[in-house]
Amino acid sequence: MTLFDPNGNRLYLNAEERAAFLKLARQRPARDRTVCETLHYTGCRPSELIEITPARIDLSGTAVTIRSLKKRKDSSGEQKAVYRSVPVPPEYLDTLNTAHGIREAQKSRRLAHVPIWALSRVRIWQIVKGVMIEAGIADAPHRSPKGLRHGFGVNAVVKGIPLHMLQKWMGHAQLSTTTIYANAIGKEEQDIAARMWS
């Protein structure tokens, strides 16, 4: 995994692009807004987002639990489910609860386990791409849900999040996968370096 394509194009959204994306997403209808905010604040993949249920939203603990969809096996060689809990801002959870009735759904044994968004991965991709285009993000490889996920990782490193915590939040099996986010260049690299002098 890398943060640049073979032609040297950046594969992650930088801080300004993330901010522009979030600003425009907050002007969208509730469903599209919460899709975009969930991807922005959790760094999850679209295929992981469509599995999130009200039961996996911790409103008091301000976290979202995500089932990692990368294939993992236990010691016997059997497939195993791996879950990760990602801390998120309380304001985001307030929006999610208001838009989708999370607290009420959690009271129902049936509704608590129904996915919040009845969308396909393709539809999520279209929603995200539309917001990115409207936000003025350049037509380049990073203008995608994966660019948003990579932007989450780079942002965490810039903000000083320890790599082992980022590994957990992104659902990486190996720390070596997570370390790519420390390879940011340009403004992000300058921000990381600035922490040494502050």
Protein backbone atom coordinates (compact mmCIF):
# COMPACT_ATOMS: atom_id res chain seq x y z
CA MET A 1 0.00 0.00 0.00
CA THR A 2 1.22 3.49 -0.80
CA LEU A 3 0.07 7.11 -0.58
CA PHE A 4 1.06 7.85 -4.19
CA ASP A 5 0.24 6.22 -7.51
CA PRO A 6 2.97 5.18 -10.02
CA ASN A 7 2.86 8.69 -11.53
CA GLY A 8 3.44 10.38 -8.16
CA ASN A 9 -0.16 11.54 -7.73
CA ARG A 10 -1.33 11.88 -4.13
CA LEU A 11 -3.90 9.24 -3.08
CA TYR A 12 -5.17 11.00 0.07
CA LEU A 13 -7.21 14.12 0.80
CA ASN A 14 -5.19 16.82 2.52
CA ALA A 15 -6.52 18.89 5.44
CA GLU A 16 -8.00 21.62 3.24
CA GLU A 17 -9.78 19.10 1.01
CA ARG A 18 -11.12 17.20 4.03
CA ALA A 19 -12.47 20.46 5.49
CA ALA A 20 -14.09 21.44 2.17
CA PHE A 21 -15.62 17.96 1.85
CA LEU A 22 -17.04 18.08 5.37
CA LYS A 23 -18.43 21.61 4.90
CA LEU A 24 -20.31 20.60 1.73
CA ALA A 25 -21.44 17.27 3.22
CA ARG A 26 -23.12 19.15 6.07
CA GLN A 27 -25.30 20.95 3.51
CA ARG A 28 -26.61 17.68 2.03
CA PRO A 29 -29.80 15.83 3.06
CA ALA A 30 -29.48 13.84 6.30
CA ARG A 31 -28.76 10.46 4.71
CA ASP A 32 -25.96 11.72 2.47
CA ARG A 33 -24.56 13.93 5.24
CA THR A 34 -24.30 11.06 7.70
CA VAL A 35 -22.74 8.76 5.09
CA CYS A 36 -20.05 11.36 4.40
CA GLU A 37 -19.49 12.22 8.05
CA THR A 38 -19.20 8.56 9.01
CA LEU A 39 -16.52 7.95 6.38
CA HIS A 40 -14.76 11.18 7.41
CA TYR A 41 -14.75 10.53 11.17
CA THR A 42 -14.13 6.76 11.20
CA GLY A 43 -11.88 6.14 8.20
CA CYS A 44 -13.98 3.08 7.37
CA ARG A 45 -14.44 1.59 3.92
CA PRO A 46 -17.81 1.93 2.12
CA SER A 47 -18.30 -1.85 2.39
CA GLU A 48 -17.83 -1.55 6.17
CA LEU A 49 -20.16 1.45 6.43
CA ILE A 50 -23.13 -0.40 4.93
CA GLU A 51 -22.92 -2.98 7.74
CA ILE A 52 -23.08 -0.47 10.62
CA THR A 53 -26.22 -0.94 12.71
CA PRO A 54 -27.68 1.10 15.58
CA ALA A 55 -26.39 -1.57 17.98
CA ARG A 56 -22.84 -0.64 16.97
CA ILE A 57 -23.26 3.04 17.84
CA ASP A 58 -22.14 3.90 21.38
CA LEU A 59 -23.86 7.23 22.00
CA SER A 60 -22.58 7.62 25.56
CA GLY A 61 -19.07 6.31 24.85
CA THR A 62 -18.83 8.34 21.63
CA ALA A 63 -17.63 5.49 19.44
CA VAL A 64 -18.68 3.50 16.38
CA THR A 65 -17.93 -0.21 16.20
CA ILE A 66 -17.01 -1.42 12.74
CA ARG A 67 -16.61 -4.98 11.49
CA SER A 68 -13.34 -5.19 9.58
CA LEU A 69 -14.01 -6.80 6.23
CA LYS A 70 -10.48 -7.85 5.40
CA LYS A 71 -10.27 -11.65 5.61
CA ARG A 72 -8.73 -12.87 8.87
CA LYS A 73 -8.28 -16.41 10.16
CA ASP A 74 -7.96 -17.74 13.68
CA SER A 75 -5.36 -20.28 14.84
CA SER A 76 -7.42 -23.15 13.38
CA GLY A 77 -7.57 -21.48 9.95
CA GLU A 78 -11.27 -20.57 10.24
CA GLN A 79 -12.55 -17.15 9.16
CA LYS A 80 -13.09 -14.89 12.15
CA ALA A 81 -14.97 -11.64 12.61
CA VAL A 82 -12.82 -8.74 13.75
CA TYR A 83 -14.40 -5.60 15.19
CA ARG A 84 -12.84 -2.26 15.98
CA SER A 85 -14.19 0.65 17.99
CA VAL A 86 -13.40 4.10 16.60
CA PRO A 87 -13.86 7.20 18.79
CA VAL A 88 -15.90 9.94 17.11
CA PRO A 89 -17.00 13.49 18.03
CA PRO A 90 -20.19 13.77 20.12
CA GLU A 91 -21.62 16.34 17.67
CA TYR A 92 -21.43 13.78 14.87
CA LEU A 93 -23.30 11.24 17.02
CA ASP A 94 -25.98 13.82 17.80
CA THR A 95 -26.50 14.33 14.06
CA LEU A 96 -26.54 10.57 13.43
CA ASN A 97 -29.06 10.00 16.22
CA THR A 98 -31.33 12.83 15.05
CA ALA A 99 -31.20 11.75 11.40
CA HIS A 100 -31.65 8.01 11.94
CA GLY A 101 -33.31 7.58 15.35
CA ILE A 102 -30.39 5.56 16.71
CA ARG A 103 -31.41 5.70 20.39
CA GLU A 104 -34.95 4.51 19.60
CA ALA A 105 -33.74 1.78 17.23
CA GLN A 106 -31.38 0.49 19.93
CA LYS A 107 -34.43 -0.25 22.13
CA SER A 108 -35.79 -2.70 19.55
CA ARG A 109 -34.16 -6.13 19.32
CA ARG A 110 -34.94 -6.23 15.59
CA LEU A 111 -34.21 -2.63 14.56
CA ALA A 112 -30.95 -2.50 16.53
CA HIS A 113 -29.43 -4.95 14.05
CA VAL A 114 -30.76 -3.48 10.79
CA PRO A 115 -28.11 -1.51 8.84
CA ILE A 116 -28.50 2.26 9.21
CA TRP A 117 -28.01 2.92 5.49
CA ALA A 118 -29.78 0.75 2.90
CA LEU A 119 -27.25 1.62 0.20
CA SER A 120 -24.85 -0.20 -2.08
CA ARG A 121 -21.11 0.45 -2.16
CA VAL A 122 -21.58 1.98 -5.62
CA ARG A 123 -24.21 4.42 -4.33
CA ILE A 124 -21.95 5.45 -1.44
CA TRP A 125 -19.14 6.02 -3.94
CA GLN A 126 -21.47 8.22 -6.02
CA ILE A 127 -22.58 10.26 -2.99
CA VAL A 128 -18.99 10.86 -1.84
CA LYS A 129 -17.73 11.66 -5.32
CA GLY A 130 -20.58 14.13 -5.86
CA VAL A 131 -19.77 16.00 -2.65
CA MET A 132 -16.07 16.04 -3.55
CA ILE A 133 -16.78 17.48 -7.00
CA GLU A 134 -19.03 20.16 -5.52
CA ALA A 135 -16.33 20.93 -2.91
CA GLY A 136 -13.90 21.69 -5.74
CA ILE A 137 -11.56 18.77 -5.11
CA ALA A 138 -9.42 18.26 -8.20
CA ASP A 139 -10.19 15.43 -10.62
CA ALA A 140 -7.34 13.19 -9.47
CA PRO A 141 -6.90 9.74 -7.93
CA HIS A 142 -7.51 11.02 -4.40
CA ARG A 143 -11.06 12.18 -5.22
CA SER A 144 -12.69 9.00 -3.94
CA PRO A 145 -13.84 7.25 -0.74
CA LYS A 146 -10.41 5.61 -0.53
CA GLY A 147 -8.80 9.05 -0.71
CA LEU A 148 -10.98 10.02 2.25
CA ARG A 149 -9.86 6.90 4.17
CA HIS A 150 -6.20 7.65 3.42
CA GLY A 151 -6.82 11.27 4.45
CA PHE A 152 -8.12 10.01 7.81
CA GLY A 153 -4.86 8.12 8.31
CA VAL A 154 -2.61 11.01 7.30
CA ASN A 155 -4.61 13.43 9.47
CA ALA A 156 -4.22 11.13 12.49
CA VAL A 157 -0.42 11.03 12.04
CA VAL A 158 -0.26 14.82 11.59
CA LYS A 159 -2.27 15.24 14.82
CA GLY A 160 0.16 12.98 16.71
CA ILE A 161 -2.00 9.88 17.13
CA PRO A 162 0.30 6.93 17.99
CA LEU A 163 0.58 4.46 15.11
CA HIS A 164 -0.66 1.52 17.23
CA MET A 165 -3.92 3.41 17.93
CA LEU A 166 -4.31 4.32 14.26
CA GLN A 167 -3.68 0.68 13.34
CA LYS A 168 -6.54 -0.34 15.63
CA TRP A 169 -8.91 2.35 14.32
CA MET A 170 -8.24 1.53 10.67
CA GLY A 171 -8.46 -2.23 11.17
CA HIS A 172 -4.99 -3.04 9.88
CA ALA A 173 -3.67 -6.49 10.79
CA GLN A 174 -0.04 -5.32 10.52
CA LEU A 175 1.52 -2.14 11.89
CA SER A 176 3.68 -2.00 8.75
CA THR A 177 0.52 -1.19 6.76
CA THR A 178 -0.28 1.72 9.07
CA THR A 179 3.21 3.22 8.85
CA ILE A 180 2.56 4.36 5.27
CA TYR A 181 0.62 7.27 6.74
CA ALA A 182 3.85 8.64 8.20
CA ASN A 183 5.15 9.00 4.61
CA ALA A 184 3.06 12.07 3.80
CA ILE A 185 4.85 14.92 2.04
CA GLY A 186 4.31 18.62 1.49
CA LYS A 187 2.18 20.49 4.03
CA GLU A 188 1.40 17.30 5.95
CA GLU A 189 5.10 16.48 6.33
CA GLN A 190 5.77 20.04 7.47
CA ASP A 191 3.01 19.74 10.09
CA ILE A 192 4.49 16.48 11.37
CA ALA A 193 7.96 18.04 11.54
CA ALA A 194 6.61 21.15 13.30
CA ARG A 195 5.62 19.00 16.27
CA MET A 196 9.35 18.46 16.95
CA TRP A 197 9.88 22.19 17.45
CA SER A 198 6.73 23.17 19.32
